[in-house]
N, C-alpha and C. Protein backbone atom coordinates (compact mmCIF):
# COMPACT_ATOMS: atom_id res chain seq x y z
N UNK A 1 -6.17 9.60 -2.03
CA UNK A 1 -6.31 8.15 -2.03
C UNK A 1 -4.94 7.52 -1.82
N UNK A 2 -4.83 6.76 -0.77
CA UNK A 2 -3.52 6.20 -0.48
C UNK A 2 -3.52 4.69 -0.34
N UNK A 3 -4.65 4.04 -0.66
CA UNK A 3 -4.66 2.59 -0.63
C UNK A 3 -5.53 2.06 -1.77
N UNK A 4 -5.42 0.77 -2.01
CA UNK A 4 -6.15 0.18 -3.13
C UNK A 4 -7.65 0.10 -2.88
N UNK A 5 -8.07 -0.04 -1.62
CA UNK A 5 -9.50 -0.07 -1.31
C UNK A 5 -10.17 1.22 -1.74
N UNK A 6 -9.53 2.33 -1.49
CA UNK A 6 -10.12 3.62 -1.86
C UNK A 6 -10.18 3.82 -3.37
N UNK A 7 -9.44 3.00 -4.11
CA UNK A 7 -9.48 3.08 -5.58
C UNK A 7 -10.58 2.21 -6.16
N UNK A 8 -11.24 1.40 -5.32
CA UNK A 8 -12.32 0.54 -5.78
C UNK A 8 -11.96 -0.92 -5.88
N UNK A 9 -10.80 -1.30 -5.41
CA UNK A 9 -10.37 -2.70 -5.42
C UNK A 9 -11.04 -3.41 -4.26
N UNK A 10 -11.47 -4.65 -4.46
CA UNK A 10 -12.19 -5.40 -3.44
C UNK A 10 -11.31 -5.74 -2.24
N UNK A 11 -11.98 -6.04 -1.14
CA UNK A 11 -11.28 -6.40 0.09
C UNK A 11 -10.42 -7.65 -0.12
N UNK A 12 -10.96 -8.65 -0.81
CA UNK A 12 -10.18 -9.88 -1.03
C UNK A 12 -8.95 -9.64 -1.90
N UNK A 13 -9.08 -8.81 -2.92
CA UNK A 13 -7.93 -8.49 -3.76
C UNK A 13 -6.92 -7.66 -2.96
N UNK A 14 -7.42 -6.76 -2.12
CA UNK A 14 -6.54 -5.96 -1.28
C UNK A 14 -5.72 -6.86 -0.35
N UNK A 15 -6.35 -7.90 0.21
CA UNK A 15 -5.63 -8.84 1.07
C UNK A 15 -4.56 -9.59 0.27
N UNK A 16 -4.89 -9.96 -0.95
CA UNK A 16 -3.91 -10.63 -1.81
C UNK A 16 -2.72 -9.72 -2.08
N UNK A 17 -3.01 -8.47 -2.39
CA UNK A 17 -1.94 -7.50 -2.64
C UNK A 17 -1.07 -7.30 -1.40
N UNK A 18 -1.70 -7.20 -0.24
CA UNK A 18 -0.95 -7.04 1.00
C UNK A 18 -0.05 -8.24 1.25
N UNK A 19 -0.53 -9.44 0.91
CA UNK A 19 0.28 -10.64 1.05
C UNK A 19 1.49 -10.64 0.13
N UNK A 20 1.38 -9.89 -0.96
CA UNK A 20 2.50 -9.74 -1.90
C UNK A 20 3.33 -8.50 -1.57
N UNK A 21 3.03 -7.88 -0.44
CA UNK A 21 3.72 -6.68 0.04
C UNK A 21 3.50 -5.48 -0.90
N UNK A 22 2.33 -5.45 -1.53
CA UNK A 22 1.93 -4.32 -2.37
C UNK A 22 0.85 -3.59 -1.59
N UNK A 23 1.21 -2.49 -0.96
CA UNK A 23 0.29 -1.84 -0.03
C UNK A 23 -0.15 -0.45 -0.43
N UNK A 24 0.64 0.23 -1.22
CA UNK A 24 0.32 1.61 -1.57
C UNK A 24 0.45 1.80 -3.09
N UNK A 25 -0.59 2.32 -3.73
CA UNK A 25 -0.51 2.53 -5.18
C UNK A 25 0.42 3.68 -5.54
N UNK A 26 0.99 3.57 -6.72
CA UNK A 26 1.83 4.63 -7.26
C UNK A 26 0.92 5.73 -7.84
N UNK A 27 1.46 6.90 -8.12
CA UNK A 27 0.62 7.97 -8.69
C UNK A 27 -0.12 7.57 -9.98
N UNK A 28 0.55 6.85 -10.87
CA UNK A 28 -0.14 6.43 -12.10
C UNK A 28 -1.26 5.45 -11.80
N UNK A 29 -1.07 4.61 -10.81
CA UNK A 29 -2.11 3.67 -10.41
C UNK A 29 -3.30 4.40 -9.78
N UNK A 30 -3.04 5.41 -9.00
CA UNK A 30 -4.12 6.20 -8.39
C UNK A 30 -4.98 6.85 -9.47
N UNK A 31 -4.35 7.29 -10.53
CA UNK A 31 -5.09 7.94 -11.61
C UNK A 31 -5.81 6.94 -12.51
N UNK A 32 -5.17 5.81 -12.80
CA UNK A 32 -5.68 4.89 -13.81
C UNK A 32 -6.68 3.86 -13.29
N UNK A 33 -6.45 3.31 -12.12
CA UNK A 33 -7.27 2.19 -11.65
C UNK A 33 -8.76 2.54 -11.53
N UNK A 34 -9.14 3.65 -10.90
CA UNK A 34 -10.59 3.93 -10.83
C UNK A 34 -11.25 4.08 -12.20
N UNK A 35 -10.55 4.70 -13.12
CA UNK A 35 -11.11 4.88 -14.46
C UNK A 35 -11.22 3.54 -15.19
N UNK A 36 -10.19 2.72 -15.06
CA UNK A 36 -10.21 1.41 -15.72
C UNK A 36 -11.30 0.52 -15.13
N UNK A 37 -11.54 0.62 -13.83
CA UNK A 37 -12.61 -0.17 -13.21
C UNK A 37 -13.98 0.23 -13.75
N UNK A 38 -14.12 1.48 -14.18
CA UNK A 38 -15.37 1.96 -14.78
C UNK A 38 -15.49 1.53 -16.24
N UNK A 39 -14.42 1.00 -16.81
CA UNK A 39 -14.44 0.59 -18.21
C UNK A 39 -14.08 1.71 -19.17
N UNK A 40 -13.53 2.78 -18.65
CA UNK A 40 -13.15 3.91 -19.48
C UNK A 40 -11.81 3.60 -20.17
N UNK A 41 -11.74 3.91 -21.46
CA UNK A 41 -10.49 3.75 -22.20
C UNK A 41 -9.45 4.71 -21.65
N UNK A 42 -8.21 4.21 -21.57
CA UNK A 42 -7.13 5.02 -21.01
C UNK A 42 -5.93 5.05 -21.92
N UNK A 43 -5.22 6.15 -21.83
CA UNK A 43 -3.90 6.25 -22.42
C UNK A 43 -3.05 6.95 -21.35
N UNK A 44 -1.94 6.33 -20.99
CA UNK A 44 -1.12 6.89 -19.92
C UNK A 44 0.35 6.84 -20.30
N UNK A 45 1.06 7.81 -19.78
CA UNK A 45 2.50 7.86 -19.99
C UNK A 45 3.15 8.11 -18.64
N UNK A 46 4.10 7.26 -18.30
CA UNK A 46 4.85 7.43 -17.06
C UNK A 46 6.19 6.73 -17.23
N UNK A 47 7.11 7.09 -16.37
CA UNK A 47 8.45 6.52 -16.43
C UNK A 47 8.42 5.01 -16.21
N UNK A 48 9.39 4.31 -16.77
CA UNK A 48 9.53 2.88 -16.58
C UNK A 48 9.66 2.56 -15.09
N UNK A 49 8.94 1.52 -14.66
CA UNK A 49 9.03 1.08 -13.27
C UNK A 49 8.04 1.74 -12.33
N UNK A 50 7.09 2.50 -12.87
CA UNK A 50 6.14 3.20 -12.01
C UNK A 50 4.82 2.45 -11.81
N UNK A 51 4.67 1.30 -12.45
CA UNK A 51 3.47 0.48 -12.23
C UNK A 51 2.37 0.64 -13.25
N UNK A 52 2.72 1.06 -14.46
CA UNK A 52 1.71 1.24 -15.50
C UNK A 52 1.01 -0.06 -15.85
N UNK A 53 1.76 -1.10 -16.10
CA UNK A 53 1.17 -2.39 -16.48
C UNK A 53 0.25 -2.88 -15.39
N UNK A 54 0.69 -2.78 -14.15
CA UNK A 54 -0.13 -3.18 -13.02
C UNK A 54 -1.41 -2.35 -12.94
N UNK A 55 -1.30 -1.06 -13.25
CA UNK A 55 -2.47 -0.17 -13.21
C UNK A 55 -3.52 -0.59 -14.23
N UNK A 56 -3.10 -1.18 -15.34
CA UNK A 56 -4.05 -1.64 -16.34
C UNK A 56 -4.54 -3.07 -16.06
N UNK A 57 -3.65 -3.91 -15.55
CA UNK A 57 -4.01 -5.32 -15.35
C UNK A 57 -4.85 -5.58 -14.10
N UNK A 58 -4.59 -4.85 -13.04
CA UNK A 58 -5.35 -5.08 -11.80
C UNK A 58 -6.85 -4.90 -12.01
N UNK A 59 -7.31 -3.85 -12.67
CA UNK A 59 -8.76 -3.74 -12.92
C UNK A 59 -9.30 -4.87 -13.80
N UNK A 60 -8.52 -5.35 -14.74
CA UNK A 60 -8.97 -6.47 -15.57
C UNK A 60 -9.16 -7.70 -14.71
N UNK A 61 -8.19 -8.01 -13.87
CA UNK A 61 -8.29 -9.17 -12.97
C UNK A 61 -9.46 -8.98 -12.02
N UNK A 62 -9.61 -7.79 -11.48
CA UNK A 62 -10.73 -7.49 -10.56
C UNK A 62 -12.07 -7.70 -11.24
N UNK A 63 -12.20 -7.25 -12.48
CA UNK A 63 -13.48 -7.41 -13.19
C UNK A 63 -13.76 -8.84 -13.60
N UNK A 64 -12.72 -9.66 -13.74
CA UNK A 64 -12.91 -11.07 -14.07
C UNK A 64 -13.16 -11.93 -12.84
N UNK A 65 -12.93 -11.37 -11.67
CA UNK A 65 -13.11 -12.10 -10.42
C UNK A 65 -14.56 -12.45 -10.21
N UNK A 66 -14.84 -13.66 -9.71
CA UNK A 66 -16.24 -14.04 -9.46
C UNK A 66 -16.87 -13.32 -8.27
N UNK A 67 -16.04 -12.70 -7.41
CA UNK A 67 -16.57 -11.99 -6.24
C UNK A 67 -17.02 -10.60 -6.65
N UNK A 68 -18.09 -10.11 -6.03
CA UNK A 68 -18.50 -8.73 -6.32
C UNK A 68 -17.47 -7.75 -5.79
N UNK A 69 -17.32 -6.59 -6.47
CA UNK A 69 -16.35 -5.57 -6.04
C UNK A 69 -16.77 -4.92 -4.77
């Protein structure tokens, strides 16, 4: 999986991310985002600056979005 669409992020959110120049997920994001989108509890450890917070927040924002995934 090398893009956010393949992780389950919607097309509209993917366009927003591309507009912010965020095009490729980090390894922690690849592991965490699909599970978080399913509502599975997660615990993750990764080095500072690898996108952990984003990996947890993006699925929350996606699930709160009025558009279907």
